Amino acid sequence: MHKNDKDRYIEVQKNRIDLYFKYNLKEYHSITINNVDKNPMGDYFISGYINNDKKYKFEALMSSLDHFQFNGDMSYNPQIFGKLFKNEDHKDELTPNDIIKKENLNKKHYEAKPPLFWGF
């Protein structure tokens, strides 16, 4: 049961990250996830890259501030990945929550609770 909860949570967060990239990046085609971790503070991190090119790597954060749902917080190399953003000023970006509301998407497909136990 825990494995299914973990897989569902990762898949839903991947969908949120994909949605964010589709709306905020130029020339975005695909996402590849290569690592998912939970830190001792309870935050979750998904690492990966886009467009089948490992130079476009990122690390997305899911924290308690956003109910453990990805909502645009991420780290990346600004000289490489940062050039892909449509807007230089990140305040003009749409977050996954903004996109879900704007497009009237079904929240069930874009929200999942993290599993109680991590690492199974």
N, C-alpha and C. Protein backbone atom coordinates (compact mmCIF):
# COMPACT_ATOMS: atom_id res chain seq x y z
N MET A 1 0.82 -1.20 0.00
CA MET A 1 0.00 0.00 0.00
C MET A 1 0.86 1.26 0.00
N HIS A 2 1.93 1.27 0.82
CA HIS A 2 2.79 2.45 0.90
C HIS A 2 3.48 2.72 -0.44
N LYS A 3 3.88 1.68 -1.14
CA LYS A 3 4.54 1.83 -2.44
C LYS A 3 3.59 2.51 -3.42
N ASN A 4 2.31 2.09 -3.42
CA ASN A 4 1.32 2.69 -4.31
C ASN A 4 1.09 4.16 -3.97
N ASP A 5 1.05 4.50 -2.67
CA ASP A 5 0.88 5.89 -2.24
C ASP A 5 2.06 6.74 -2.71
N LYS A 6 3.26 6.20 -2.57
CA LYS A 6 4.46 6.92 -2.99
C LYS A 6 4.47 7.12 -4.51
N ASP A 7 4.16 6.08 -5.26
CA ASP A 7 4.13 6.18 -6.72
C ASP A 7 3.08 7.19 -7.19
N ARG A 8 1.91 7.17 -6.57
CA ARG A 8 0.85 8.12 -6.94
C ARG A 8 1.29 9.55 -6.63
N TYR A 9 1.88 9.75 -5.45
CA TYR A 9 2.34 11.09 -5.08
C TYR A 9 3.37 11.60 -6.08
N ILE A 10 4.33 10.77 -6.44
CA ILE A 10 5.37 11.17 -7.40
C ILE A 10 4.75 11.48 -8.76
N GLU A 11 3.82 10.66 -9.21
CA GLU A 11 3.18 10.88 -10.51
C GLU A 11 2.39 12.19 -10.53
N VAL A 12 1.68 12.47 -9.46
CA VAL A 12 0.90 13.72 -9.38
C VAL A 12 1.84 14.93 -9.36
N GLN A 13 2.93 14.85 -8.62
CA GLN A 13 3.87 15.97 -8.59
C GLN A 13 4.54 16.15 -9.95
N LYS A 14 4.82 15.06 -10.62
CA LYS A 14 5.38 15.13 -11.98
C LYS A 14 4.38 15.84 -12.91
N ASN A 15 3.09 15.55 -12.76
CA ASN A 15 2.06 16.22 -13.56
C ASN A 15 2.04 17.72 -13.28
N ARG A 16 2.21 18.10 -12.02
CA ARG A 16 2.22 19.52 -11.65
C ARG A 16 3.45 20.23 -12.23
N ILE A 17 4.60 19.56 -12.16
CA ILE A 17 5.83 20.13 -12.71
C ILE A 17 5.69 20.27 -14.23
N ASP A 18 5.15 19.25 -14.87
CA ASP A 18 4.94 19.27 -16.32
C ASP A 18 4.03 20.43 -16.71
N LEU A 19 2.95 20.62 -15.98
CA LEU A 19 2.02 21.71 -16.22
C LEU A 19 2.73 23.06 -16.10
N TYR A 20 3.51 23.22 -15.07
CA TYR A 20 4.28 24.45 -14.84
C TYR A 20 5.23 24.72 -16.01
N PHE A 21 5.95 23.70 -16.44
CA PHE A 21 6.89 23.87 -17.55
C PHE A 21 6.17 24.20 -18.86
N LYS A 22 5.04 23.57 -19.13
CA LYS A 22 4.29 23.82 -20.36
C LYS A 22 3.88 25.29 -20.47
N TYR A 23 3.53 25.88 -19.35
CA TYR A 23 3.05 27.27 -19.36
C TYR A 23 4.16 28.30 -19.24
N ASN A 24 5.30 27.93 -18.70
CA ASN A 24 6.32 28.93 -18.38
C ASN A 24 7.64 28.82 -19.14
N LEU A 25 7.85 27.73 -19.87
CA LEU A 25 9.10 27.55 -20.61
C LEU A 25 8.89 27.62 -22.11
N LYS A 26 9.93 28.09 -22.80
CA LYS A 26 9.94 28.05 -24.26
C LYS A 26 10.48 26.69 -24.69
N GLU A 27 9.99 26.16 -25.75
CA GLU A 27 10.54 24.92 -26.32
C GLU A 27 10.57 23.76 -25.33
N TYR A 28 9.54 23.63 -24.53
CA TYR A 28 9.45 22.50 -23.60
C TYR A 28 8.72 21.35 -24.27
N HIS A 29 9.32 20.12 -24.15
CA HIS A 29 8.71 18.95 -24.78
C HIS A 29 8.46 17.80 -23.80
N SER A 30 9.42 17.54 -22.91
CA SER A 30 9.26 16.37 -22.04
C SER A 30 10.04 16.55 -20.74
N ILE A 31 9.66 15.74 -19.77
CA ILE A 31 10.30 15.76 -18.46
C ILE A 31 10.79 14.34 -18.13
N THR A 32 11.95 14.25 -17.53
CA THR A 32 12.49 12.99 -17.04
C THR A 32 12.82 13.16 -15.56
N ILE A 33 12.28 12.28 -14.74
CA ILE A 33 12.56 12.30 -13.30
C ILE A 33 13.65 11.26 -13.04
N ASN A 34 14.71 11.68 -12.33
CA ASN A 34 15.75 10.70 -12.03
C ASN A 34 15.98 10.49 -10.54
N ASN A 35 15.33 11.29 -9.67
CA ASN A 35 15.50 11.07 -8.24
C ASN A 35 14.39 11.77 -7.46
N VAL A 36 13.93 11.10 -6.39
CA VAL A 36 12.94 11.68 -5.49
C VAL A 36 13.43 11.41 -4.07
N ASP A 37 13.48 12.47 -3.27
CA ASP A 37 13.99 12.35 -1.90
C ASP A 37 13.10 13.12 -0.93
N LYS A 38 13.20 12.70 0.33
CA LYS A 38 12.58 13.44 1.42
C LYS A 38 13.72 13.82 2.36
N ASN A 39 13.82 15.10 2.71
CA ASN A 39 14.90 15.50 3.62
C ASN A 39 14.44 15.36 5.07
N PRO A 40 15.38 15.46 6.02
CA PRO A 40 15.02 15.31 7.44
C PRO A 40 14.01 16.34 7.95
N MET A 41 13.91 17.48 7.26
CA MET A 41 12.95 18.51 7.67
C MET A 41 11.53 18.20 7.18
N GLY A 42 11.39 17.16 6.34
CA GLY A 42 10.07 16.75 5.87
C GLY A 42 9.71 17.24 4.49
N ASP A 43 10.60 18.01 3.84
CA ASP A 43 10.34 18.48 2.49
C ASP A 43 10.68 17.38 1.48
N TYR A 44 10.04 17.44 0.32
CA TYR A 44 10.28 16.48 -0.75
C TYR A 44 10.95 17.19 -1.91
N PHE A 45 11.83 16.48 -2.59
CA PHE A 45 12.55 17.02 -3.74
C PHE A 45 12.45 16.04 -4.90
N ILE A 46 12.15 16.56 -6.07
CA ILE A 46 12.17 15.76 -7.29
C ILE A 46 13.23 16.37 -8.20
N SER A 47 14.20 15.54 -8.58
CA SER A 47 15.27 15.98 -9.48
C SER A 47 15.04 15.36 -10.85
N GLY A 48 15.39 16.11 -11.86
CA GLY A 48 15.25 15.59 -13.21
C GLY A 48 15.80 16.56 -14.22
N TYR A 49 15.41 16.35 -15.46
CA TYR A 49 15.81 17.23 -16.55
C TYR A 49 14.72 17.22 -17.61
N ILE A 50 14.83 18.15 -18.54
CA ILE A 50 13.78 18.26 -19.57
C ILE A 50 14.36 18.06 -20.96
N ASN A 51 13.46 17.77 -21.89
CA ASN A 51 13.77 17.65 -23.31
C ASN A 51 14.89 16.65 -23.61
N ASN A 52 14.98 15.61 -22.80
CA ASN A 52 16.00 14.56 -22.98
C ASN A 52 17.42 15.12 -23.02
N ASP A 53 17.64 16.22 -22.32
CA ASP A 53 18.95 16.87 -22.31
C ASP A 53 19.36 17.13 -20.85
N LYS A 54 20.34 16.38 -20.38
CA LYS A 54 20.74 16.46 -18.97
C LYS A 54 21.33 17.81 -18.58
N LYS A 55 21.66 18.65 -19.55
CA LYS A 55 22.15 19.99 -19.17
C LYS A 55 21.01 20.86 -18.64
N TYR A 56 19.77 20.49 -18.94
CA TYR A 56 18.60 21.22 -18.45
C TYR A 56 18.04 20.55 -17.19
N LYS A 57 18.90 20.43 -16.18
CA LYS A 57 18.47 19.77 -14.94
C LYS A 57 17.85 20.76 -13.97
N PHE A 58 17.00 20.24 -13.10
CA PHE A 58 16.28 21.03 -12.11
C PHE A 58 16.06 20.19 -10.86
N GLU A 59 15.69 20.87 -9.79
CA GLU A 59 15.25 20.21 -8.57
C GLU A 59 14.02 20.95 -8.06
N ALA A 60 12.89 20.26 -8.03
CA ALA A 60 11.63 20.85 -7.60
C ALA A 60 11.40 20.56 -6.12
N LEU A 61 10.80 21.52 -5.43
CA LEU A 61 10.56 21.42 -3.99
C LEU A 61 9.06 21.32 -3.71
N MET A 62 8.72 20.40 -2.82
CA MET A 62 7.37 20.29 -2.29
C MET A 62 7.49 20.42 -0.77
N SER A 63 6.98 21.52 -0.21
CA SER A 63 7.12 21.76 1.23
C SER A 63 5.76 21.95 1.88
N SER A 64 5.79 22.02 3.19
CA SER A 64 4.54 22.20 3.95
C SER A 64 3.88 23.53 3.62
N LEU A 65 4.64 24.52 3.17
CA LEU A 65 4.06 25.83 2.82
C LEU A 65 3.01 25.72 1.72
N ASP A 66 3.18 24.73 0.83
CA ASP A 66 2.23 24.50 -0.26
C ASP A 66 1.53 23.16 -0.10
N HIS A 67 1.39 22.70 1.14
CA HIS A 67 0.71 21.43 1.44
C HIS A 67 1.36 20.26 0.70
N PHE A 68 2.68 20.33 0.55
CA PHE A 68 3.49 19.30 -0.10
C PHE A 68 3.11 19.07 -1.56
N GLN A 69 2.63 20.14 -2.21
CA GLN A 69 2.34 20.10 -3.64
C GLN A 69 3.32 21.04 -4.34
N PHE A 70 3.88 20.61 -5.47
CA PHE A 70 4.78 21.49 -6.21
C PHE A 70 3.99 22.69 -6.68
N ASN A 71 4.52 23.89 -6.39
CA ASN A 71 3.84 25.10 -6.83
C ASN A 71 4.81 26.14 -7.40
N GLY A 72 5.88 25.66 -8.01
CA GLY A 72 6.79 26.56 -8.69
C GLY A 72 8.13 26.77 -8.02
N ASP A 73 8.33 26.25 -6.82
CA ASP A 73 9.61 26.40 -6.13
C ASP A 73 10.60 25.37 -6.65
N MET A 74 11.70 25.86 -7.21
CA MET A 74 12.69 24.95 -7.77
C MET A 74 14.05 25.60 -7.85
N SER A 75 15.07 24.77 -7.99
CA SER A 75 16.42 25.29 -8.21
C SER A 75 16.91 24.75 -9.55
N TYR A 76 17.76 25.55 -10.19
CA TYR A 76 18.30 25.22 -11.50
C TYR A 76 19.45 26.17 -11.78
N ASN A 77 20.19 25.89 -12.84
CA ASN A 77 21.28 26.76 -13.26
C ASN A 77 20.68 27.91 -14.07
N PRO A 78 20.78 29.15 -13.57
CA PRO A 78 20.16 30.28 -14.28
C PRO A 78 20.77 30.55 -15.65
N GLN A 79 22.05 30.24 -15.84
CA GLN A 79 22.68 30.49 -17.14
C GLN A 79 22.25 29.48 -18.21
N ILE A 80 21.82 28.30 -17.79
CA ILE A 80 21.43 27.27 -18.75
C ILE A 80 19.91 27.10 -18.75
N PHE A 81 19.38 26.56 -17.67
CA PHE A 81 17.94 26.31 -17.57
C PHE A 81 17.17 27.62 -17.53
N GLY A 82 17.71 28.60 -16.83
CA GLY A 82 17.02 29.88 -16.67
C GLY A 82 16.70 30.59 -17.97
N LYS A 83 17.46 30.33 -19.01
CA LYS A 83 17.22 30.96 -20.32
C LYS A 83 15.98 30.42 -21.01
N LEU A 84 15.43 29.33 -20.51
CA LEU A 84 14.25 28.72 -21.13
C LEU A 84 12.94 29.37 -20.71
N PHE A 85 12.96 30.16 -19.66
CA PHE A 85 11.73 30.78 -19.18
C PHE A 85 11.22 31.83 -20.16
N LYS A 86 9.92 31.86 -20.36
CA LYS A 86 9.29 32.84 -21.24
C LYS A 86 9.44 34.25 -20.69
N ASN A 87 9.36 34.39 -19.37
CA ASN A 87 9.45 35.70 -18.72
C ASN A 87 10.72 35.78 -17.88
N GLU A 88 11.47 36.84 -18.06
CA GLU A 88 12.67 37.04 -17.24
C GLU A 88 12.29 37.29 -15.79
N ASP A 89 11.19 37.99 -15.59
CA ASP A 89 10.73 38.29 -14.24
C ASP A 89 9.79 37.17 -13.79
N HIS A 90 10.24 36.39 -12.83
CA HIS A 90 9.49 35.21 -12.42
C HIS A 90 8.17 35.54 -11.73
N LYS A 91 7.94 36.80 -11.39
CA LYS A 91 6.66 37.15 -10.77
C LYS A 91 5.52 37.05 -11.78
N ASP A 92 5.85 37.01 -13.07
CA ASP A 92 4.83 36.90 -14.11
C ASP A 92 4.50 35.45 -14.48
N GLU A 93 5.16 34.50 -13.82
CA GLU A 93 4.91 33.09 -14.11
C GLU A 93 3.59 32.64 -13.50
N LEU A 94 3.01 31.65 -14.13
CA LEU A 94 1.83 31.01 -13.56
C LEU A 94 2.28 29.81 -12.73
N THR A 95 1.78 29.69 -11.51
CA THR A 95 2.08 28.53 -10.69
C THR A 95 1.13 27.40 -11.09
N PRO A 96 1.44 26.17 -10.72
CA PRO A 96 0.49 25.09 -11.00
C PRO A 96 -0.90 25.38 -10.43
N ASN A 97 -0.99 25.95 -9.23
CA ASN A 97 -2.31 26.29 -8.68
C ASN A 97 -3.04 27.30 -9.55
N ASP A 98 -2.32 28.30 -10.07
CA ASP A 98 -2.91 29.30 -10.98
C ASP A 98 -3.44 28.63 -12.25
N ILE A 99 -2.63 27.73 -12.81
CA ILE A 99 -2.99 27.07 -14.07
C ILE A 99 -4.20 26.16 -13.88
N ILE A 100 -4.22 25.40 -12.80
CA ILE A 100 -5.34 24.51 -12.51
C ILE A 100 -6.63 25.31 -12.40
N LYS A 101 -6.57 26.44 -11.72
CA LYS A 101 -7.75 27.29 -11.57
C LYS A 101 -8.14 27.93 -12.90
N LYS A 102 -7.16 28.49 -13.61
CA LYS A 102 -7.42 29.18 -14.88
C LYS A 102 -8.02 28.25 -15.92
N GLU A 103 -7.49 27.03 -16.02
CA GLU A 103 -7.94 26.07 -17.03
C GLU A 103 -9.09 25.19 -16.54
N ASN A 104 -9.53 25.42 -15.29
CA ASN A 104 -10.62 24.66 -14.70
C ASN A 104 -10.34 23.15 -14.76
N LEU A 105 -9.10 22.78 -14.38
CA LEU A 105 -8.69 21.37 -14.40
C LEU A 105 -9.18 20.66 -13.14
N ASN A 106 -9.35 19.37 -13.25
CA ASN A 106 -9.80 18.57 -12.13
C ASN A 106 -8.67 18.43 -11.11
N LYS A 107 -8.87 18.97 -9.91
CA LYS A 107 -7.83 18.96 -8.88
C LYS A 107 -7.41 17.54 -8.50
N LYS A 108 -8.28 16.57 -8.65
CA LYS A 108 -7.96 15.18 -8.30
C LYS A 108 -6.73 14.68 -9.07
N HIS A 109 -6.55 15.19 -10.28
CA HIS A 109 -5.42 14.77 -11.11
C HIS A 109 -4.13 15.52 -10.75
N TYR A 110 -4.24 16.55 -9.93
CA TYR A 110 -3.09 17.41 -9.64
C TYR A 110 -2.83 17.61 -8.15
N GLU A 111 -3.43 16.80 -7.30
CA GLU A 111 -3.18 16.89 -5.87
C GLU A 111 -3.12 15.50 -5.27
N ALA A 112 -2.11 15.28 -4.42
CA ALA A 112 -1.98 14.00 -3.71
C ALA A 112 -1.21 14.24 -2.42
N LYS A 113 -1.60 13.55 -1.39
CA LYS A 113 -0.88 13.63 -0.12
C LYS A 113 0.35 12.74 -0.19
N PRO A 114 1.44 13.19 0.39
CA PRO A 114 2.63 12.32 0.44
C PRO A 114 2.35 11.13 1.34
N PRO A 115 3.00 9.99 1.08
CA PRO A 115 2.78 8.82 1.92
C PRO A 115 3.28 9.07 3.34
N LEU A 116 2.67 8.40 4.29
CA LEU A 116 3.08 8.56 5.68
C LEU A 116 4.49 8.06 5.90
N PHE A 117 4.84 6.99 5.22
CA PHE A 117 6.18 6.42 5.34
C PHE A 117 6.88 6.54 4.00
N TRP A 118 8.12 6.96 4.02
CA TRP A 118 8.88 7.18 2.80
C TRP A 118 10.03 6.17 2.76
N GLY A 119 10.27 5.60 1.61
CA GLY A 119 11.42 4.72 1.46
C GLY A 119 11.09 3.26 1.26
N PHE A 120 9.82 2.92 1.12
CA PHE A 120 9.44 1.53 0.89
C PHE A 120 9.56 1.17 -0.58
